[in-house]
Amino acid sequence: MGSSEALTRDQLLLTPEEAARALRVGRTTVYALMKIGELRAVYIGRSCRLSVAELERYVSRLEALRPGAKHRLDHPGAGRSTTDSAPDTSPSP
């Protein structure tokens, strides 16, 4: 049994860092997935946590993707809204 299996088996909620270890991805990837809505976090006060059930739901959705389908993080600008970009200040013709 690996450490990530023991970690998720005994805990109901995981920190983003623990979730990243369980998914074997980087911490920033977990935060990016939360930002675009692929992972839904719960907040207890100011503490952010991810349920084991949410991680299992996410992995099930990945498995259900058809082969060759791109993940939302694979697209340039994923998770960014158009309001994040600088306004167009070019002179009009």
PDB file of N, CA and C in Angstrom:
ATOM      1  N   MET A   1       0.847  -1.173   0.000  1.00  0.00           N
ATOM      2  CA  MET A   1       0.000   0.000   0.000  1.00  0.00           C
ATOM      3  C   MET A   1       0.892   1.235   0.000  1.00  0.00           C
ATOM      4  N   GLY A   2       0.683   2.162  -0.936  1.00  0.00           N
ATOM      5  CA  GLY A   2       1.471   3.376  -1.036  1.00  0.00           C
ATOM      6  C   GLY A   2       1.033   4.407  -0.025  1.00  0.00           C
ATOM      7  N   SER A   3       1.873   5.414   0.178  1.00  0.00           N
ATOM      8  CA  SER A   3       1.547   6.444   1.166  1.00  0.00           C
ATOM      9  C   SER A   3       0.321   7.250   0.774  1.00  0.00           C
ATOM     10  N   SER A   4       0.083   7.469  -0.536  1.00  0.00           N
ATOM     11  CA  SER A   4      -1.106   8.219  -0.948  1.00  0.00           C
ATOM     12  C   SER A   4      -2.370   7.415  -0.683  1.00  0.00           C
ATOM     13  N   GLU A   5      -2.298   6.074  -0.779  1.00  0.00           N
ATOM     14  CA  GLU A   5      -3.462   5.248  -0.478  1.00  0.00           C
ATOM     15  C   GLU A   5      -3.808   5.341   1.002  1.00  0.00           C
ATOM     16  N   ALA A   6      -2.799   5.266   1.864  1.00  0.00           N
ATOM     17  CA  ALA A   6      -3.030   5.359   3.299  1.00  0.00           C
ATOM     18  C   ALA A   6      -3.529   6.748   3.667  1.00  0.00           C
ATOM     19  N   LEU A   7      -3.030   7.749   2.992  1.00  0.00           N
ATOM     20  CA  LEU A   7      -3.407   9.119   3.256  1.00  0.00           C
ATOM     21  C   LEU A   7      -4.886   9.337   3.002  1.00  0.00           C
ATOM     22  N   THR A   8      -5.389   8.900   1.861  1.00  0.00           N
ATOM     23  CA  THR A   8      -6.782   9.151   1.513  1.00  0.00           C
ATOM     24  C   THR A   8      -7.740   8.172   2.184  1.00  0.00           C
ATOM     25  N   ARG A   9      -7.303   7.015   2.550  1.00  0.00           N
ATOM     26  CA  ARG A   9      -8.187   6.023   3.144  1.00  0.00           C
ATOM     27  C   ARG A   9      -8.655   6.460   4.532  1.00  0.00           C
ATOM     28  N   ASP A  10      -7.804   7.121   5.295  1.00  0.00           N
ATOM     29  CA  ASP A  10      -8.120   7.478   6.670  1.00  0.00           C
ATOM     30  C   ASP A  10      -8.661   8.891   6.825  1.00  0.00           C
ATOM     31  N   GLN A  11      -8.616   9.696   5.789  1.00  0.00           N
ATOM     32  CA  GLN A  11      -9.018  11.086   5.916  1.00  0.00           C
ATOM     33  C   GLN A  11     -10.208  11.389   5.014  1.00  0.00           C
ATOM     34  N   LEU A  12     -11.103  12.236   5.517  1.00  0.00           N
ATOM     35  CA  LEU A  12     -12.268  12.643   4.750  1.00  0.00           C
ATOM     36  C   LEU A  12     -11.950  13.859   3.885  1.00  0.00           C
ATOM     37  N   LEU A  13     -11.188  14.804   4.447  1.00  0.00           N
ATOM     38  CA  LEU A  13     -10.814  16.023   3.729  1.00  0.00           C
ATOM     39  C   LEU A  13      -9.299  16.133   3.653  1.00  0.00           C
ATOM     40  N   LEU A  14      -8.827  16.610   2.508  1.00  0.00           N
ATOM     41  CA  LEU A  14      -7.390  16.753   2.272  1.00  0.00           C
ATOM     42  C   LEU A  14      -7.041  18.205   1.982  1.00  0.00           C
ATOM     43  N   THR A  15      -5.851  18.605   2.358  1.00  0.00           N
ATOM     44  CA  THR A  15      -5.354  19.912   1.940  1.00  0.00           C
ATOM     45  C   THR A  15      -5.038  19.833   0.456  1.00  0.00           C
ATOM     46  N   PRO A  16      -4.923  20.965  -0.232  1.00  0.00           N
ATOM     47  CA  PRO A  16      -4.529  20.912  -1.646  1.00  0.00           C
ATOM     48  C   PRO A  16      -3.193  20.188  -1.851  1.00  0.00           C
ATOM     49  N   GLU A  17      -2.268  20.338  -0.905  1.00  0.00           N
ATOM     50  CA  GLU A  17      -0.977  19.661  -1.017  1.00  0.00           C
ATOM     51  C   GLU A  17      -1.143  18.149  -0.917  1.00  0.00           C
ATOM     52  N   GLU A  18      -1.996  17.693   0.021  1.00  0.00           N
ATOM     53  CA  GLU A  18      -2.248  16.263   0.154  1.00  0.00           C
ATOM     54  C   GLU A  18      -2.988  15.725  -1.071  1.00  0.00           C
ATOM     55  N   ALA A  19      -3.926  16.506  -1.590  1.00  0.00           N
ATOM     56  CA  ALA A  19      -4.658  16.100  -2.793  1.00  0.00           C
ATOM     57  C   ALA A  19      -3.699  15.973  -3.976  1.00  0.00           C
ATOM     58  N   ALA A  20      -2.749  16.899  -4.076  1.00  0.00           N
ATOM     59  CA  ALA A  20      -1.759  16.841  -5.153  1.00  0.00           C
ATOM     60  C   ALA A  20      -0.934  15.566  -5.048  1.00  0.00           C
ATOM     61  N   ARG A  21      -0.530  15.203  -3.842  1.00  0.00           N
ATOM     62  CA  ARG A  21       0.233  13.954  -3.665  1.00  0.00           C
ATOM     63  C   ARG A  21      -0.618  12.746  -4.035  1.00  0.00           C
ATOM     64  N   ALA A  22      -1.897  12.752  -3.636  1.00  0.00           N
ATOM     65  CA  ALA A  22      -2.779  11.627  -3.944  1.00  0.00           C
ATOM     66  C   ALA A  22      -2.985  11.484  -5.456  1.00  0.00           C
ATOM     67  N   LEU A  23      -3.090  12.622  -6.160  1.00  0.00           N
ATOM     68  CA  LEU A  23      -3.280  12.601  -7.619  1.00  0.00           C
ATOM     69  C   LEU A  23      -1.966  12.492  -8.377  1.00  0.00           C
ATOM     70  N   ARG A  24      -0.863  12.646  -7.652  1.00  0.00           N
ATOM     71  CA  ARG A  24       0.482  12.637  -8.245  1.00  0.00           C
ATOM     72  C   ARG A  24       0.655  13.744  -9.280  1.00  0.00           C
ATOM     73  N   VAL A  25       0.199  14.937  -8.884  1.00  0.00           N
ATOM     74  CA  VAL A  25       0.391  16.139  -9.692  1.00  0.00           C
ATOM     75  C   VAL A  25       0.970  17.210  -8.779  1.00  0.00           C
ATOM     76  N   GLY A  26       1.331  18.320  -9.345  1.00  0.00           N
ATOM     77  CA  GLY A  26       1.860  19.417  -8.553  1.00  0.00           C
ATOM     78  C   GLY A  26       0.770  20.178  -7.823  1.00  0.00           C
ATOM     79  N   ARG A  27       1.166  20.850  -6.765  1.00  0.00           N
ATOM     80  CA  ARG A  27       0.243  21.655  -5.971  1.00  0.00           C
ATOM     81  C   ARG A  27      -0.404  22.741  -6.818  1.00  0.00           C
ATOM     82  N   THR A  28       0.366  23.372  -7.689  1.00  0.00           N
ATOM     83  CA  THR A  28      -0.194  24.437  -8.526  1.00  0.00           C
ATOM     84  C   THR A  28      -1.219  23.889  -9.507  1.00  0.00           C
ATOM     85  N   THR A  29      -1.067  22.632  -9.925  1.00  0.00           N
ATOM     86  CA  THR A  29      -2.070  22.014 -10.796  1.00  0.00           C
ATOM     87  C   THR A  29      -3.388  21.871 -10.054  1.00  0.00           C
ATOM     88  N   VAL A  30      -3.337  21.465  -8.795  1.00  0.00           N
ATOM     89  CA  VAL A  30      -4.560  21.341  -7.998  1.00  0.00           C
ATOM     90  C   VAL A  30      -5.242  22.704  -7.875  1.00  0.00           C
ATOM     91  N   TYR A  31      -4.468  23.756  -7.580  1.00  0.00           N
ATOM     92  CA  TYR A  31      -5.059  25.091  -7.472  1.00  0.00           C
ATOM     93  C   TYR A  31      -5.642  25.542  -8.811  1.00  0.00           C
ATOM     94  N   ALA A  32      -4.976  25.227  -9.904  1.00  0.00           N
ATOM     95  CA  ALA A  32      -5.501  25.586 -11.228  1.00  0.00           C
ATOM     96  C   ALA A  32      -6.807  24.840 -11.513  1.00  0.00           C
ATOM     97  N   LEU A  33      -6.878  23.577 -11.148  1.00  0.00           N
ATOM     98  CA  LEU A  33      -8.109  22.800 -11.338  1.00  0.00           C
ATOM     99  C   LEU A  33      -9.244  23.371 -10.488  1.00  0.00           C
ATOM    100  N   MET A  34      -8.920  23.839  -9.299  1.00  0.00           N
ATOM    101  CA  MET A  34      -9.933  24.472  -8.454  1.00  0.00           C
ATOM    102  C   MET A  34     -10.407  25.779  -9.088  1.00  0.00           C
ATOM    103  N   LYS A  35      -9.489  26.534  -9.642  1.00  0.00           N
ATOM    104  CA  LYS A  35      -9.836  27.830 -10.228  1.00  0.00           C
ATOM    105  C   LYS A  35     -10.778  27.684 -11.427  1.00  0.00           C
ATOM    106  N   ILE A  36     -10.569  26.666 -12.249  1.00  0.00           N
ATOM    107  CA  ILE A  36     -11.423  26.498 -13.430  1.00  0.00           C
ATOM    108  C   ILE A  36     -12.657  25.657 -13.135  1.00  0.00           C
ATOM    109  N   GLY A  37     -12.814  25.215 -11.891  1.00  0.00           N
ATOM    110  CA  GLY A  37     -14.020  24.498 -11.505  1.00  0.00           C
ATOM    111  C   GLY A  37     -13.980  22.997 -11.704  1.00  0.00           C
ATOM    112  N   GLU A  38     -12.831  22.452 -12.056  1.00  0.00           N
ATOM    113  CA  GLU A  38     -12.714  21.006 -12.225  1.00  0.00           C
ATOM    114  C   GLU A  38     -12.685  20.284 -10.885  1.00  0.00           C
ATOM    115  N   LEU A  39     -12.156  20.935  -9.871  1.00  0.00           N
ATOM    116  CA  LEU A  39     -12.172  20.412  -8.507  1.00  0.00           C
ATOM    117  C   LEU A  39     -12.901  21.424  -7.640  1.00  0.00           C
ATOM    118  N   ARG A  40     -13.863  20.949  -6.854  1.00  0.00           N
ATOM    119  CA  ARG A  40     -14.631  21.833  -5.976  1.00  0.00           C
ATOM    120  C   ARG A  40     -14.138  21.669  -4.549  1.00  0.00           C
ATOM    121  N   ALA A  41     -13.644  22.743  -4.019  1.00  0.00           N
ATOM    122  CA  ALA A  41     -13.113  22.738  -2.655  1.00  0.00           C
ATOM    123  C   ALA A  41     -14.204  23.110  -1.663  1.00  0.00           C
ATOM    124  N   VAL A  42     -14.001  22.716  -0.422  1.00  0.00           N
ATOM    125  CA  VAL A  42     -14.848  23.168   0.673  1.00  0.00           C
ATOM    126  C   VAL A  42     -13.965  24.028   1.569  1.00  0.00           C
ATOM    127  N   TYR A  43     -14.582  24.997   2.195  1.00  0.00           N
ATOM    128  CA  TYR A  43     -13.845  25.905   3.061  1.00  0.00           C
ATOM    129  C   TYR A  43     -14.365  25.784   4.483  1.00  0.00           C
ATOM    130  N   ILE A  44     -13.451  25.640   5.404  1.00  0.00           N
ATOM    131  CA  ILE A  44     -13.753  25.642   6.821  1.00  0.00           C
ATOM    132  C   ILE A  44     -12.991  26.839   7.371  1.00  0.00           C
ATOM    133  N   GLY A  45     -13.740  27.906   7.618  1.00  0.00           N
ATOM    134  CA  GLY A  45     -13.071  29.155   7.946  1.00  0.00           C
ATOM    135  C   GLY A  45     -12.286  29.603   6.724  1.00  0.00           C
ATOM    136  N   ARG A  46     -11.013  29.831   6.898  1.00  0.00           N
ATOM    137  CA  ARG A  46     -10.161  30.220   5.776  1.00  0.00           C
ATOM    138  C   ARG A  46      -9.388  29.039   5.206  1.00  0.00           C
ATOM    139  N   SER A  47      -9.603  27.860   5.766  1.00  0.00           N
ATOM    140  CA  SER A  47      -8.886  26.670   5.311  1.00  0.00           C
ATOM    141  C   SER A  47      -9.599  26.029   4.123  1.00  0.00           C
ATOM    142  N   CYS A  48      -8.833  25.755   3.095  1.00  0.00           N
ATOM    143  CA  CYS A  48      -9.347  25.127   1.880  1.00  0.00           C
ATOM    144  C   CYS A  48      -9.065  23.637   1.958  1.00  0.00           C
ATOM    145  N   ARG A  49     -10.101  22.824   1.697  1.00  0.00           N
ATOM    146  CA  ARG A  49      -9.942  21.373   1.712  1.00  0.00           C
ATOM    147  C   ARG A  49     -10.660  20.754   0.522  1.00  0.00           C
ATOM    148  N   LEU A  50     -10.206  19.581   0.118  1.00  0.00           N
ATOM    149  CA  LEU A  50     -10.833  18.810  -0.962  1.00  0.00           C
ATOM    150  C   LEU A  50     -11.248  17.465  -0.392  1.00  0.00           C
ATOM    151  N   SER A  51     -12.478  17.067  -0.672  1.00  0.00           N
ATOM    152  CA  SER A  51     -12.943  15.773  -0.168  1.00  0.00           C
ATOM    153  C   SER A  51     -12.368  14.656  -1.032  1.00  0.00           C
ATOM    154  N   VAL A  52     -12.203  13.512  -0.407  1.00  0.00           N
ATOM    155  CA  VAL A  52     -11.739  12.328  -1.126  1.00  0.00           C
ATOM    156  C   VAL A  52     -12.749  11.986  -2.216  1.00  0.00           C
ATOM    157  N   ALA A  53     -14.043  12.152  -1.915  1.00  0.00           N
ATOM    158  CA  ALA A  53     -15.087  11.874  -2.911  1.00  0.00           C
ATOM    159  C   ALA A  53     -14.943  12.793  -4.124  1.00  0.00           C
ATOM    160  N   GLU A  54     -14.543  14.052  -3.905  1.00  0.00           N
ATOM    161  CA  GLU A  54     -14.344  14.987  -5.022  1.00  0.00           C
ATOM    162  C   GLU A  54     -13.176  14.540  -5.895  1.00  0.00           C
ATOM    163  N   LEU A  55     -12.109  14.072  -5.281  1.00  0.00           N
ATOM    164  CA  LEU A  55     -10.966  13.578  -6.060  1.00  0.00           C
ATOM    165  C   LEU A  55     -11.365  12.338  -6.862  1.00  0.00           C
ATOM    166  N   GLU A  56     -12.142  11.450  -6.246  1.00  0.00           N
ATOM    167  CA  GLU A  56     -12.605  10.260  -6.966  1.00  0.00           C
ATOM    168  C   GLU A  56     -13.522  10.643  -8.126  1.00  0.00           C
ATOM    169  N   ARG A  57     -14.389  11.638  -7.929  1.00  0.00           N
ATOM    170  CA  ARG A  57     -15.276  12.119  -8.994  1.00  0.00           C
ATOM    171  C   ARG A  57     -14.446  12.669 -10.148  1.00  0.00           C
ATOM    172  N   TYR A  58     -13.426  13.448  -9.830  1.00  0.00           N
ATOM    173  CA  TYR A  58     -12.567  14.038 -10.857  1.00  0.00           C
ATOM    174  C   TYR A  58     -11.861  12.947 -11.668  1.00  0.00           C
ATOM    175  N   VAL A  59     -11.304  11.956 -10.984  1.00  0.00           N
ATOM    176  CA  VAL A  59     -10.608  10.873 -11.682  1.00  0.00           C
ATOM    177  C   VAL A  59     -11.587  10.078 -12.541  1.00  0.00           C
ATOM    178  N   SER A  60     -12.794   9.843 -12.047  1.00  0.00           N
ATOM    179  CA  SER A  60     -13.807   9.130 -12.842  1.00  0.00           C
ATOM    180  C   SER A  60     -14.149   9.895 -14.106  1.00  0.00           C
ATOM    181  N   ARG A  61     -14.244  11.222 -14.000  1.00  0.00           N
ATOM    182  CA  ARG A  61     -14.524  12.047 -15.181  1.00  0.00           C
ATOM    183  C   ARG A  61     -13.371  11.963 -16.175  1.00  0.00           C
ATOM    184  N   LEU A  62     -12.144  11.939 -15.689  1.00  0.00           N
ATOM    185  CA  LEU A  62     -10.994  11.811 -16.590  1.00  0.00           C
ATOM    186  C   LEU A  62     -11.026  10.475 -17.320  1.00  0.00           C
ATOM    187  N   GLU A  63     -11.370   9.412 -16.595  1.00  0.00           N
ATOM    188  CA  GLU A  63     -11.436   8.088 -17.205  1.00  0.00           C
ATOM    189  C   GLU A  63     -12.540   8.013 -18.252  1.00  0.00           C
ATOM    190  N   ALA A  64     -13.604   8.790 -18.067  1.00  0.00           N
ATOM    191  CA  ALA A  64     -14.734   8.760 -18.993  1.00  0.00           C
ATOM    192  C   ALA A  64     -14.482   9.574 -20.261  1.00  0.00           C
ATOM    193  N   LEU A  65     -13.470  10.445 -20.239  1.00  0.00           N
ATOM    194  CA  LEU A  65     -13.159  11.221 -21.446  1.00  0.00           C
ATOM    195  C   LEU A  65     -12.791  10.281 -22.577  1.00  0.00           C
ATOM    196  N   ARG A  66     -13.235  10.623 -23.749  1.00  0.00           N
ATOM    197  CA  ARG A  66     -12.876   9.784 -24.895  1.00  0.00           C
ATOM    198  C   ARG A  66     -11.378   9.914 -25.171  1.00  0.00           C
ATOM    199  N   PRO A  67     -10.774   8.879 -25.708  1.00  0.00           N
ATOM    200  CA  PRO A  67      -9.335   8.918 -25.988  1.00  0.00           C
ATOM    201  C   PRO A  67      -8.990  10.089 -26.910  1.00  0.00           C
ATOM    202  N   GLY A  68      -7.922  10.765 -26.591  1.00  0.00           N
ATOM    203  CA  GLY A  68      -7.469  11.876 -27.411  1.00  0.00           C
ATOM    204  C   GLY A  68      -8.125  13.197 -27.069  1.00  0.00           C
ATOM    205  N   ALA A  69      -9.114  13.195 -26.167  1.00  0.00           N
ATOM    206  CA  ALA A  69      -9.779  14.442 -25.791  1.00  0.00           C
ATOM    207  C   ALA A  69      -8.833  15.267 -24.929  1.00  0.00           C
ATOM    208  N   LYS A  70      -8.872  16.540 -25.126  1.00  0.00           N
ATOM    209  CA  LYS A  70      -8.012  17.446 -24.371  1.00  0.00           C
ATOM    210  C   LYS A  70      -8.691  17.842 -23.070  1.00  0.00           C
ATOM    211  N   HIS A  71      -7.897  18.016 -22.049  1.00  0.00           N
ATOM    212  CA  HIS A  71      -8.377  18.502 -20.767  1.00  0.00           C
ATOM    213  C   HIS A  71      -8.431  20.023 -20.835  1.00  0.00           C
ATOM    214  N   ARG A  72      -9.279  20.639 -20.030  1.00  0.00           N
ATOM    215  CA  ARG A  72      -9.422  22.095 -20.057  1.00  0.00           C
ATOM    216  C   ARG A  72      -8.111  22.802 -19.743  1.00  0.00           C
ATOM    217  N   LEU A  73      -7.239  22.204 -18.939  1.00  0.00           N
ATOM    218  CA  LEU A  73      -5.957  22.835 -18.634  1.00  0.00           C
ATOM    219  C   LEU A  73      -5.001  22.775 -19.818  1.00  0.00           C
ATOM    220  N   ASP A  74      -5.287  21.925 -20.807  1.00  0.00           N
ATOM    221  CA  ASP A  74      -4.417  21.801 -21.970  1.00  0.00           C
ATOM    222  C   ASP A  74      -4.606  22.939 -22.964  1.00  0.00           C
ATOM    223  N   HIS A  75      -5.689  23.699 -22.816  1.00  0.00           N
ATOM    224  CA  HIS A  75      -5.975  24.786 -23.752  1.00  0.00           C
ATOM    225  C   HIS A  75      -5.319  26.077 -23.288  1.00  0.00           C
ATOM    226  N   PRO A  76      -4.715  26.844 -24.198  1.00  0.00           N
ATOM    227  CA  PRO A  76      -4.120  28.109 -23.823  1.00  0.00           C
ATOM    228  C   PRO A  76      -5.179  29.025 -23.229  1.00  0.00           C
ATOM    229  N   GLY A  77      -4.833  29.683 -22.138  1.00  0.00           N
ATOM    230  CA  GLY A  77      -5.757  30.620 -21.520  1.00  0.00           C
ATOM    231  C   GLY A  77      -6.836  29.952 -20.706  1.00  0.00           C
ATOM    232  N   ALA A  78      -6.688  28.664 -20.403  1.00  0.00           N
ATOM    233  CA  ALA A  78      -7.719  27.952 -19.641  1.00  0.00           C
ATOM    234  C   ALA A  78      -7.901  28.595 -18.285  1.00  0.00           C
ATOM    235  N   GLY A  79      -9.142  28.793 -17.917  1.00  0.00           N
ATOM    236  CA  GLY A  79      -9.449  29.340 -16.614  1.00  0.00           C
ATOM    237  C   GLY A  79      -9.359  30.842 -16.533  1.00  0.00           C
ATOM    238  N   ARG A  80      -8.946  31.494 -17.583  1.00  0.00           N
ATOM    239  CA  ARG A  80      -8.837  32.946 -17.564  1.00  0.00           C
ATOM    240  C   ARG A  80     -10.080  33.553 -18.161  1.00  0.00           C
ATOM    241  N   SER A  81     -10.548  34.594 -17.542  1.00  0.00           N
ATOM    242  CA  SER A  81     -11.703  35.287 -18.108  1.00  0.00           C
ATOM    243  C   SER A  81     -11.213  36.425 -18.982  1.00  0.00           C
ATOM    244  N   THR A  82     -12.076  36.919 -19.825  1.00  0.00           N
ATOM    245  CA  THR A  82     -11.681  38.000 -20.721  1.00  0.00           C
ATOM    246  C   THR A  82     -11.452  39.291 -19.958  1.00  0.00           C
ATOM    247  N   THR A  83     -11.959  39.398 -18.737  1.00  0.00           N
ATOM    248  CA  THR A  83     -11.739  40.613 -17.951  1.00  0.00           C
ATOM    249  C   THR A  83     -10.337  40.670 -17.380  1.00  0.00           C
ATOM    250  N   ASP A  84      -9.609  39.549 -17.401  1.00  0.00           N
ATOM    251  CA  ASP A  84      -8.245  39.532 -16.897  1.00  0.00           C
ATOM    252  C   ASP A  84      -7.274  40.177 -17.872  1.00  0.00           C
ATOM    253  N   SER A  85      -7.642  40.312 -19.125  1.00  0.00           N
ATOM    254  CA  SER A  85      -6.729  40.857 -20.100  1.00  0.00           C
ATOM    255  C   SER A  85      -6.759  42.382 -20.073  1.00  0.00           C
ATOM    256  N   ALA A  86      -5.704  42.978 -20.563  1.00  0.00           N
ATOM    257  CA  ALA A  86      -5.605  44.429 -20.597  1.00  0.00           C
ATOM    258  C   ALA A  86      -6.558  44.991 -21.652  1.00  0.00           C
ATOM    259  N   PRO A  87      -7.111  46.165 -21.390  1.00  0.00           N
ATOM    260  CA  PRO A  87      -8.024  46.741 -22.375  1.00  0.00           C
ATOM    261  C   PRO A  87      -7.295  47.117 -23.661  1.00  0.00           C
ATOM    262  N   ASP A  88      -8.019  47.086 -24.757  1.00  0.00           N
ATOM    263  CA  ASP A  88      -7.451  47.430 -26.059  1.00  0.00           C
ATOM    264  C   ASP A  88      -7.337  48.948 -26.132  1.00  0.00           C
ATOM    265  N   THR A  89      -6.086  49.433 -26.194  1.00  0.00           N
ATOM    266  CA  THR A  89      -5.855  50.871 -26.240  1.00  0.00           C
ATOM    267  C   THR A  89      -5.365  51.318 -27.619  1.00  0.00           C
ATOM    268  N   SER A  90      -5.459  50.415 -28.611  1.00  0.00           N
ATOM    269  CA  SER A  90      -4.993  50.782 -29.947  1.00  0.00           C
ATOM    270  C   SER A  90      -5.942  51.819 -30.551  1.00  0.00           C
ATOM    271  N   PRO A  91      -5.373  52.758 -31.335  1.00  0.00           N
ATOM    272  CA  PRO A  91      -6.239  53.774 -31.944  1.00  0.00           C
ATOM    273  C   PRO A  91      -7.194  53.156 -32.953  1.00  0.00           C
ATOM    274  N   SER A  92      -8.415  53.666 -32.980  1.00  0.00           N
ATOM    275  CA  SER A  92      -9.381  53.126 -33.931  1.00  0.00           C
ATOM    276  C   SER A  92      -9.120  53.717 -35.313  1.00  0.00           C
ATOM    277  N   PRO A  93      -9.462  52.952 -36.366  1.00  0.00           N
ATOM    278  CA  PRO A  93      -9.162  53.408 -37.741  1.00  0.00           C
ATOM    279  C   PRO A  93      -9.987  54.587 -38.167  1.00  0.00           C
TER     280      PRO A  93
END
